[in-house]
C-alpha cells in the first residue's frame, strides 16, 4: 500500500513537547546547516525498510551540519567538564515512516569525544565515528571555524561561517522549516527500526555567509560529491534540547 508523505498538520505537530520524561539534556550551539538537493530515488535506495525519502517541491535533500554540543548529561546528573562538551559533524537526510511521521536519518555523525561516540553507537544505534576536531566558535565580527579529521579514513572537513542578515523563525510551510525543524530521529538496530523524539524551542535562523566548506563525508557513505556550493545555507546560534527514549518504530 502506498504511504502518504507527512501532512502539514503532522509536520506542525512534531514541534509539540512529547509526553513523558527526557532521558538526556543537551545544548546545540553555533550550527551551520548546508543543504544540497538530491535525487529522491538515490536517497530511497540508501534507507532501511520502513523509511521513505521526504521531499520539498519534488526534491530530496542531503545536509551537512557542524556544531558544538554543550552540557550533555543524563537527566538527574550534572554535566562533566571532560565529557559533556564536544564537537559534532553530521551527514543527514530527511525521511518519514509508514505512518507519515517526519524525521531525520543520519548517515554519519563525527565526534571528538570517544565515550560519547561509544554510548551513541551502543545505546542509540547511530553511526557515530570518532574524529579529531577543533575550532573556534562565532563571536561578534568573527566567523566560526570548525575542523574535523575522521580517524578511520583520514577524511578532512573544514568550515568557516557566520550568520548574516535578519534573524528569523521558520514558517511552517517554508523550506527552512522542512530542513531545520525536525524533532524525530530514526535508527536501525538489530531488532529493527527505532525512533526517538527531541524537543526544543524553534530555531532562530540566519542566512549563512560561508567562506570555507571542505567536506570529506560523501565518499564514505557512497555518494558522489556534489561539486558545487550548497543549494541552501543557514546558521543558528543554537537551542537547549531534551532527548527522549528510543522506541521500536511500530
Protein backbone atom coordinates (compact mmCIF):
# COMPACT_ATOMS: atom_id res chain seq x y z
CA UNK A 1 0.00 0.00 0.00
CA UNK A 2 1.44 3.44 -0.90
CA UNK A 3 2.50 5.54 2.08
CA UNK A 4 1.47 9.19 2.16
CA UNK A 5 4.05 11.86 2.98
CA UNK A 6 3.57 13.92 6.15
CA UNK A 7 0.59 16.25 6.17
CA UNK A 8 1.06 19.89 7.18
CA UNK A 9 -0.63 19.02 10.47
CA UNK A 10 1.86 16.21 11.13
CA UNK A 11 4.80 18.48 10.40
CA UNK A 12 3.49 21.16 12.77
CA UNK A 13 2.57 18.62 15.46
CA UNK A 14 6.15 17.35 15.55
CA UNK A 15 7.06 20.56 17.41
CA UNK A 16 4.92 19.63 20.41
CA UNK A 17 6.71 18.57 23.58
CA UNK A 18 6.48 14.76 23.94
CA UNK A 19 4.66 13.11 26.82
CA UNK A 20 6.94 11.60 29.46
CA UNK A 21 10.34 12.50 30.81
CA UNK A 22 13.52 13.08 28.85
CA UNK A 23 16.46 10.75 29.34
CA UNK A 24 19.07 13.38 28.49
CA UNK A 25 19.67 17.09 28.07
CA UNK A 26 21.98 18.79 25.58
CA UNK A 27 22.63 22.22 24.09
CA UNK A 28 23.44 22.62 20.38
CA UNK A 29 25.34 25.79 19.54
CA UNK A 30 26.84 27.63 16.56
CA UNK A 31 25.20 25.40 13.97
CA UNK A 32 25.75 25.60 10.24
CA UNK A 33 23.14 23.95 8.01
CA UNK A 34 24.41 23.24 4.49
CA UNK A 35 21.98 21.50 2.14
CA UNK A 36 22.04 20.13 -1.39
CA UNK A 37 19.09 18.97 -3.47
CA UNK A 38 19.34 15.27 -4.28
CA UNK A 39 17.58 12.66 -6.35
CA UNK A 40 14.86 11.09 -4.21
CA UNK A 41 15.31 7.65 -5.77
CA UNK A 42 19.01 7.67 -4.88
CA UNK A 43 18.18 8.60 -1.30
CA UNK A 44 15.47 5.95 -1.11
CA UNK A 45 17.96 3.25 -2.13
CA UNK A 46 20.06 4.06 0.97
CA UNK A 47 17.22 3.82 3.52
CA UNK A 48 16.17 0.83 5.64
CA UNK A 49 12.71 -0.71 5.20
CA UNK A 50 10.01 1.42 6.77
CA UNK A 51 11.52 4.79 5.84
CA UNK A 52 10.79 6.96 2.82
CA UNK A 53 12.65 9.89 1.30
CA UNK A 54 10.95 13.14 2.28
CA UNK A 55 10.81 15.84 -0.39
CA UNK A 56 10.16 19.56 -0.70
CA UNK A 57 8.90 20.72 -4.09
CA UNK A 58 9.89 17.36 -5.52
CA UNK A 59 13.48 17.38 -4.24
CA UNK A 60 15.10 15.23 -1.58
CA UNK A 61 17.90 16.87 0.38
CA UNK A 62 21.22 15.93 1.96
CA UNK A 63 22.52 18.09 4.79
CA UNK A 64 25.91 18.63 6.39
CA UNK A 65 25.74 20.15 9.88
CA UNK A 66 28.77 21.09 12.02
CA UNK A 67 28.12 22.40 15.54
CA UNK A 68 29.14 22.33 19.19
CA UNK A 69 27.45 20.10 21.79
CA UNK A 70 27.37 21.63 25.29
CA UNK A 71 26.39 20.42 28.76
CA UNK A 72 25.43 16.92 27.59
CA UNK A 73 24.13 14.97 30.58
CA UNK A 74 21.64 12.29 31.61
CA UNK A 75 18.52 13.50 33.41
CA UNK A 76 19.24 13.94 37.10
CA UNK A 77 23.01 14.31 36.74
CA UNK A 78 25.21 17.38 36.22
CA UNK A 79 27.42 17.82 33.17
CA UNK A 80 31.03 16.65 33.49
CA UNK A 81 33.71 19.07 32.22
CA UNK A 82 35.81 16.47 30.38
CA UNK A 83 32.86 14.58 28.87
CA UNK A 84 29.94 16.92 28.30
CA UNK A 85 31.38 19.45 25.83
CA UNK A 86 32.46 18.39 22.35
CA UNK A 87 32.01 18.98 18.63
CA UNK A 88 29.87 17.10 16.12
CA UNK A 89 29.59 16.95 12.34
CA UNK A 90 26.75 15.03 10.75
CA UNK A 91 25.67 13.96 7.28
CA UNK A 92 21.91 13.50 7.11
CA UNK A 93 18.78 13.32 5.03
CA UNK A 94 15.07 13.74 5.70
CA UNK A 95 12.57 10.92 5.84
CA UNK A 96 9.18 9.81 7.05
CA UNK A 97 7.93 6.46 8.27
CA UNK A 98 4.95 4.34 7.25
CA UNK A 99 2.67 6.46 9.47
CA UNK A 100 3.83 9.67 7.81
CA UNK A 101 5.86 10.84 10.80
CA UNK A 102 8.71 13.11 9.60
CA UNK A 103 12.24 12.86 10.93
CA UNK A 104 15.97 12.66 10.26
CA UNK A 105 18.10 9.77 9.03
CA UNK A 106 21.77 10.18 9.93
CA UNK A 107 24.29 8.66 7.57
CA UNK A 108 27.16 9.52 9.88
CA UNK A 109 27.95 11.60 12.95
CA UNK A 110 31.58 12.52 13.62
CA UNK A 111 32.50 13.41 17.20
CA UNK A 112 35.69 14.15 19.13
CA UNK A 113 34.51 12.60 22.40
CA UNK A 114 35.21 8.83 22.32
CA UNK A 115 32.97 7.97 25.27
CA UNK A 116 30.03 9.84 23.73
CA UNK A 117 30.73 8.05 20.45
CA UNK A 118 30.65 4.65 22.15
CA UNK A 119 27.44 5.41 24.07
CA UNK A 120 25.65 6.72 20.97
CA UNK A 121 26.67 3.71 18.87
CA UNK A 122 25.70 1.23 21.60
CA UNK A 123 22.55 2.76 23.05
CA UNK A 124 21.12 4.74 20.12
CA UNK A 125 22.39 2.59 17.20
CA UNK A 126 23.66 5.68 15.40
CA UNK A 127 26.67 5.66 13.08
CA UNK A 128 28.96 7.78 15.25
CA UNK A 129 32.60 7.99 14.14
CA UNK A 130 35.48 9.18 16.29
CA UNK A 131 37.24 12.20 14.78
CA UNK A 132 39.90 14.69 15.72
CA UNK A 133 38.16 18.05 15.84
CA UNK A 134 39.00 21.62 16.76
CA UNK A 135 37.70 25.09 16.07
CA UNK A 136 36.63 28.49 17.26
CA UNK A 137 33.05 29.50 17.87
CA UNK A 138 31.45 32.50 16.24
CA UNK A 139 31.64 35.82 18.06
CA UNK A 140 30.60 39.34 17.02
CA UNK A 141 32.51 40.28 13.91
CA UNK A 142 34.30 36.94 13.67
CA UNK A 143 33.18 33.74 11.91
CA UNK A 144 33.17 30.25 13.38
CA UNK A 145 35.95 27.88 12.35
CA UNK A 146 35.31 24.12 12.50
CA UNK A 147 37.82 21.38 11.66
CA UNK A 148 37.21 17.62 11.63
CA UNK A 149 39.51 14.77 10.66
CA UNK A 150 37.91 11.34 10.71
CA UNK A 151 40.37 8.87 12.23
CA UNK A 152 39.12 5.83 10.32
CA UNK A 153 39.61 7.22 6.80
CA UNK A 154 41.64 10.44 7.29
CA UNK A 155 38.84 12.38 5.64
CA UNK A 156 39.32 16.08 6.42
CA UNK A 157 36.49 18.62 6.66
CA UNK A 158 36.84 22.36 7.23
CA UNK A 159 34.23 25.09 7.63
CA UNK A 160 34.33 28.85 8.18
CA UNK A 161 30.96 30.55 8.50
CA UNK A 162 28.85 33.20 10.16
CA UNK A 163 25.27 34.33 10.19
CA UNK A 164 24.39 37.43 8.22
CA UNK A 165 21.22 39.42 7.74
CA UNK A 166 17.95 39.34 9.61
CA UNK A 167 17.31 36.55 12.11
CA UNK A 168 14.01 34.69 11.72
CA UNK A 169 11.89 31.74 12.78
CA UNK A 170 10.90 29.34 10.00
CA UNK A 171 7.30 29.47 8.77
CA UNK A 172 5.65 26.02 8.84
CA UNK A 173 5.34 25.81 5.04
CA UNK A 174 8.87 27.03 4.30
CA UNK A 175 11.97 25.19 3.10
CA UNK A 176 13.76 26.33 6.27
CA UNK A 177 11.16 24.58 8.41
CA UNK A 178 11.45 21.42 6.29
CA UNK A 179 15.24 21.36 6.64
CA UNK A 180 15.70 22.57 10.19
CA UNK A 181 12.67 21.88 12.33
CA UNK A 182 12.99 18.12 12.74
CA UNK A 183 12.04 16.58 16.07
CA UNK A 184 12.33 12.84 15.44
CA UNK A 185 15.34 10.69 14.59
CA UNK A 186 15.36 7.17 13.23
CA UNK A 187 17.98 4.47 13.69
CA UNK A 188 18.39 0.88 12.59
CA UNK A 189 19.03 -1.62 15.40
CA UNK A 190 19.48 -5.42 15.30
CA UNK A 191 15.84 -5.71 16.38
CA UNK A 192 14.53 -3.34 13.67
CA UNK A 193 13.77 0.30 13.07
CA UNK A 194 13.69 2.56 16.12
CA UNK A 195 12.78 6.20 16.60
CA UNK A 196 13.17 8.82 19.27
CA UNK A 197 11.94 12.33 19.87
CA UNK A 198 13.77 15.50 20.74
CA UNK A 199 12.25 18.77 21.85
CA UNK A 200 13.48 22.35 21.84
CA UNK A 201 12.21 25.83 21.21
CA UNK A 202 12.08 26.74 17.49
CA UNK A 203 15.44 27.61 16.00
CA UNK A 204 16.39 31.19 15.33
CA UNK A 205 17.97 31.11 11.87
CA UNK A 206 20.08 33.49 9.79
CA UNK A 207 21.28 33.20 6.21
CA UNK A 208 24.85 31.89 6.27
CA UNK A 209 27.93 33.52 4.84
CA UNK A 210 30.18 30.52 4.14
CA UNK A 211 33.84 31.26 3.43
CA UNK A 212 35.03 27.62 3.57
CA UNK A 213 33.17 24.34 3.16
CA UNK A 214 35.58 21.48 2.53
CA UNK A 215 33.66 18.25 3.11
CA UNK A 216 35.06 14.72 3.24
CA UNK A 217 31.93 12.78 4.16
CA UNK A 218 30.40 11.90 0.80
CA UNK A 219 32.56 9.02 -0.39
CA UNK A 220 32.47 7.16 2.93
CA UNK A 221 28.70 6.92 2.51
CA UNK A 222 28.76 6.01 -1.17
CA UNK A 223 27.71 9.41 -2.55
CA UNK A 224 29.40 11.29 -5.34
CA UNK A 225 30.39 14.77 -4.09
CA UNK A 226 28.00 17.44 -5.44
CA UNK A 227 30.96 19.59 -6.61
CA UNK A 228 29.01 22.80 -6.18
CA UNK A 229 28.28 25.18 -3.32
CA UNK A 230 25.37 24.26 -1.11
CA UNK A 231 21.94 24.99 -2.56
CA UNK A 232 20.85 26.34 0.82
CA UNK A 233 22.87 27.59 3.79
CA UNK A 234 21.78 28.95 7.16
CA UNK A 235 23.10 29.24 10.69
CA UNK A 236 21.62 29.21 14.16
CA UNK A 237 23.11 30.32 17.49
CA UNK A 238 21.54 27.21 18.98
CA UNK A 239 18.92 25.66 21.23
CA UNK A 240 18.62 23.75 24.52
CA UNK A 241 17.42 20.23 23.79
CA UNK A 242 15.56 17.49 25.65
CA UNK A 243 16.22 13.94 24.41
CA UNK A 244 13.56 11.24 24.81
CA UNK A 245 14.00 7.45 24.77
CA UNK A 246 14.36 5.46 21.57
CA UNK A 247 11.42 3.13 20.99
CA UNK A 248 10.64 0.42 18.44
CA UNK A 249 9.08 2.21 15.46
CA UNK A 250 5.94 0.08 15.30
